[in-house]
């Protein structure tokens, strides 16, 4: 039984071993976000994680605050409401009342009415 090469040039002995990419360092924004999470949760971020983007990302996913749940979790944030009201003043119209009870509707209203 012989190996038939369906992809010419992929498995040639002249190619040699493929290089393994070195780990990419964490971005400054990642480091800043991780330290803010650690500060709020009174945790220590292992500085060894700053050398790899993937490792720090896993630490952030494990320790970041959980999204709100409950009665008011679907309400828009105060910043969203402020921004929508500013747009409404500029466009001389009102924000629909149902937008104040659903953050997705508020986001859609903002996207559809943003000044260009």
C-alpha atoms as a PDB file:
ATOM      1  CA  UNK A   1       0.000   0.000   0.000  1.00  0.00           C
ATOM      2  CA  UNK A   2       1.465   3.317  -1.000  1.00  0.00           C
ATOM      3  CA  UNK A   3       0.676   6.860  -0.002  1.00  0.00           C
ATOM      4  CA  UNK A   4      -0.727   8.883  -2.852  1.00  0.00           C
ATOM      5  CA  UNK A   5      -0.051  12.555  -2.482  1.00  0.00           C
ATOM      6  CA  UNK A   6      -3.267  14.461  -3.217  1.00  0.00           C
ATOM      7  CA  UNK A   7      -1.755  17.748  -2.112  1.00  0.00           C
ATOM      8  CA  UNK A   8       1.531  18.154  -3.976  1.00  0.00           C
ATOM      9  CA  UNK A   9       4.220  20.004  -2.050  1.00  0.00           C
ATOM     10  CA  UNK A  10       2.580  19.600   1.373  1.00  0.00           C
ATOM     11  CA  UNK A  11       4.453  16.531   2.562  1.00  0.00           C
ATOM     12  CA  UNK A  12       7.730  16.883   0.745  1.00  0.00           C
ATOM     13  CA  UNK A  13      10.906  16.035   2.669  1.00  0.00           C
ATOM     14  CA  UNK A  14      12.535  19.274   1.463  1.00  0.00           C
ATOM     15  CA  UNK A  15       9.986  21.318   3.401  1.00  0.00           C
ATOM     16  CA  UNK A  16      11.351  20.397   6.808  1.00  0.00           C
ATOM     17  CA  UNK A  17       9.636  21.020  10.117  1.00  0.00           C
ATOM     18  CA  UNK A  18       7.061  23.788  10.321  1.00  0.00           C
ATOM     19  CA  UNK A  19       7.917  26.685  12.605  1.00  0.00           C
ATOM     20  CA  UNK A  20       5.863  27.093  15.756  1.00  0.00           C
ATOM     21  CA  UNK A  21       4.776  30.661  16.346  1.00  0.00           C
ATOM     22  CA  UNK A  22       5.960  32.278  19.567  1.00  0.00           C
ATOM     23  CA  UNK A  23       3.169  33.295  21.976  1.00  0.00           C
ATOM     24  CA  UNK A  24       1.902  36.813  21.388  1.00  0.00           C
ATOM     25  CA  UNK A  25       2.158  39.228  24.316  1.00  0.00           C
ATOM     26  CA  UNK A  26      -1.002  40.608  25.901  1.00  0.00           C
ATOM     27  CA  UNK A  27      -2.242  43.962  24.655  1.00  0.00           C
ATOM     28  CA  UNK A  28      -2.152  47.045  26.890  1.00  0.00           C
ATOM     29  CA  UNK A  29      -5.977  47.141  26.901  1.00  0.00           C
ATOM     30  CA  UNK A  30      -6.096  43.507  28.041  1.00  0.00           C
ATOM     31  CA  UNK A  31      -3.653  44.225  30.857  1.00  0.00           C
ATOM     32  CA  UNK A  32      -5.604  47.329  31.899  1.00  0.00           C
ATOM     33  CA  UNK A  33      -8.907  45.410  31.895  1.00  0.00           C
ATOM     34  CA  UNK A  34      -7.412  42.526  33.886  1.00  0.00           C
ATOM     35  CA  UNK A  35      -5.954  44.865  36.496  1.00  0.00           C
ATOM     36  CA  UNK A  36      -9.288  46.712  36.849  1.00  0.00           C
ATOM     37  CA  UNK A  37     -11.081  43.384  37.388  1.00  0.00           C
ATOM     38  CA  UNK A  38      -8.449  42.357  39.929  1.00  0.00           C
ATOM     39  CA  UNK A  39      -8.690  45.691  41.748  1.00  0.00           C
ATOM     40  CA  UNK A  40     -12.491  45.483  42.036  1.00  0.00           C
ATOM     41  CA  UNK A  41     -12.438  41.828  43.136  1.00  0.00           C
ATOM     42  CA  UNK A  42      -9.384  42.315  45.389  1.00  0.00           C
ATOM     43  CA  UNK A  43      -7.418  39.660  43.475  1.00  0.00           C
ATOM     44  CA  UNK A  44      -3.867  39.439  42.216  1.00  0.00           C
ATOM     45  CA  UNK A  45      -3.224  39.008  38.509  1.00  0.00           C
ATOM     46  CA  UNK A  46      -0.259  36.690  37.953  1.00  0.00           C
ATOM     47  CA  UNK A  47       2.232  38.835  36.031  1.00  0.00           C
ATOM     48  CA  UNK A  48       3.343  35.740  34.126  1.00  0.00           C
ATOM     49  CA  UNK A  49       0.032  35.944  32.253  1.00  0.00           C
ATOM     50  CA  UNK A  50       1.034  39.300  30.725  1.00  0.00           C
ATOM     51  CA  UNK A  51       3.409  37.467  28.393  1.00  0.00           C
ATOM     52  CA  UNK A  52       0.661  35.558  26.566  1.00  0.00           C
ATOM     53  CA  UNK A  53      -2.503  36.992  25.111  1.00  0.00           C
ATOM     54  CA  UNK A  54      -4.310  33.659  25.320  1.00  0.00           C
ATOM     55  CA  UNK A  55      -3.488  33.024  28.995  1.00  0.00           C
ATOM     56  CA  UNK A  56      -4.579  36.500  30.082  1.00  0.00           C
ATOM     57  CA  UNK A  57      -7.773  36.168  28.049  1.00  0.00           C
ATOM     58  CA  UNK A  58      -8.627  32.948  29.875  1.00  0.00           C
ATOM     59  CA  UNK A  59      -7.977  34.634  33.254  1.00  0.00           C
ATOM     60  CA  UNK A  60     -10.240  37.548  32.279  1.00  0.00           C
ATOM     61  CA  UNK A  61     -13.043  35.196  31.179  1.00  0.00           C
ATOM     62  CA  UNK A  62     -12.818  33.332  34.470  1.00  0.00           C
ATOM     63  CA  UNK A  63     -12.822  36.427  36.712  1.00  0.00           C
ATOM     64  CA  UNK A  64     -14.861  39.088  34.893  1.00  0.00           C
ATOM     65  CA  UNK A  65     -18.113  40.118  36.571  1.00  0.00           C
ATOM     66  CA  UNK A  66     -21.162  38.129  35.562  1.00  0.00           C
ATOM     67  CA  UNK A  67     -23.882  39.995  33.647  1.00  0.00           C
ATOM     68  CA  UNK A  68     -26.842  41.218  35.647  1.00  0.00           C
ATOM     69  CA  UNK A  69     -29.811  38.924  35.987  1.00  0.00           C
ATOM     70  CA  UNK A  70     -33.219  39.642  37.378  1.00  0.00           C
ATOM     71  CA  UNK A  71     -36.029  42.099  37.003  1.00  0.00           C
ATOM     72  CA  UNK A  72     -34.004  45.026  35.660  1.00  0.00           C
ATOM     73  CA  UNK A  73     -31.405  43.171  33.591  1.00  0.00           C
ATOM     74  CA  UNK A  74     -33.116  44.069  30.302  1.00  0.00           C
ATOM     75  CA  UNK A  75     -33.353  47.796  31.049  1.00  0.00           C
ATOM     76  CA  UNK A  76     -30.954  50.101  29.144  1.00  0.00           C
ATOM     77  CA  UNK A  77     -27.994  51.581  30.980  1.00  0.00           C
ATOM     78  CA  UNK A  78     -28.048  55.169  32.155  1.00  0.00           C
ATOM     79  CA  UNK A  79     -25.409  56.050  29.548  1.00  0.00           C
ATOM     80  CA  UNK A  80     -27.594  54.556  26.819  1.00  0.00           C
ATOM     81  CA  UNK A  81     -30.571  56.608  27.988  1.00  0.00           C
ATOM     82  CA  UNK A  82     -28.498  59.803  28.186  1.00  0.00           C
ATOM     83  CA  UNK A  83     -27.142  59.276  24.676  1.00  0.00           C
ATOM     84  CA  UNK A  84     -30.618  58.551  23.276  1.00  0.00           C
ATOM     85  CA  UNK A  85     -32.054  61.666  24.914  1.00  0.00           C
ATOM     86  CA  UNK A  86     -29.231  63.785  23.505  1.00  0.00           C
ATOM     87  CA  UNK A  87     -29.950  62.412  20.012  1.00  0.00           C
ATOM     88  CA  UNK A  88     -33.665  63.068  20.503  1.00  0.00           C
ATOM     89  CA  UNK A  89     -32.979  66.715  21.434  1.00  0.00           C
ATOM     90  CA  UNK A  90     -30.765  67.169  18.364  1.00  0.00           C
ATOM     91  CA  UNK A  91     -33.340  65.606  16.050  1.00  0.00           C
ATOM     92  CA  UNK A  92     -36.311  67.269  17.813  1.00  0.00           C
ATOM     93  CA  UNK A  93     -38.176  64.020  18.403  1.00  0.00           C
ATOM     94  CA  UNK A  94     -38.931  61.763  21.343  1.00  0.00           C
ATOM     95  CA  UNK A  95     -37.531  58.397  22.295  1.00  0.00           C
ATOM     96  CA  UNK A  96     -40.366  55.823  22.219  1.00  0.00           C
ATOM     97  CA  UNK A  97     -41.435  54.731  25.711  1.00  0.00           C
ATOM     98  CA  UNK A  98     -40.906  51.009  25.007  1.00  0.00           C
ATOM     99  CA  UNK A  99     -37.194  51.736  24.456  1.00  0.00           C
ATOM    100  CA  UNK A 100     -36.852  52.659  28.140  1.00  0.00           C
ATOM    101  CA  UNK A 101     -37.732  49.076  29.137  1.00  0.00           C
ATOM    102  CA  UNK A 102     -35.553  47.117  26.709  1.00  0.00           C
ATOM    103  CA  UNK A 103     -31.865  47.724  26.047  1.00  0.00           C
ATOM    104  CA  UNK A 104     -32.018  46.026  22.629  1.00  0.00           C
ATOM    105  CA  UNK A 105     -34.804  48.328  21.445  1.00  0.00           C
ATOM    106  CA  UNK A 106     -32.908  51.324  22.812  1.00  0.00           C
ATOM    107  CA  UNK A 107     -29.774  50.253  20.974  1.00  0.00           C
ATOM    108  CA  UNK A 108     -31.698  49.866  17.720  1.00  0.00           C
ATOM    109  CA  UNK A 109     -33.321  53.273  18.160  1.00  0.00           C
ATOM    110  CA  UNK A 110     -29.923  54.864  18.791  1.00  0.00           C
ATOM    111  CA  UNK A 111     -28.385  53.161  15.740  1.00  0.00           C
ATOM    112  CA  UNK A 112     -31.272  54.265  13.545  1.00  0.00           C
ATOM    113  CA  UNK A 113     -31.235  57.888  14.752  1.00  0.00           C
ATOM    114  CA  UNK A 114     -27.535  58.658  15.253  1.00  0.00           C
ATOM    115  CA  UNK A 115     -26.489  61.945  13.689  1.00  0.00           C
ATOM    116  CA  UNK A 116     -24.203  61.279  10.759  1.00  0.00           C
END
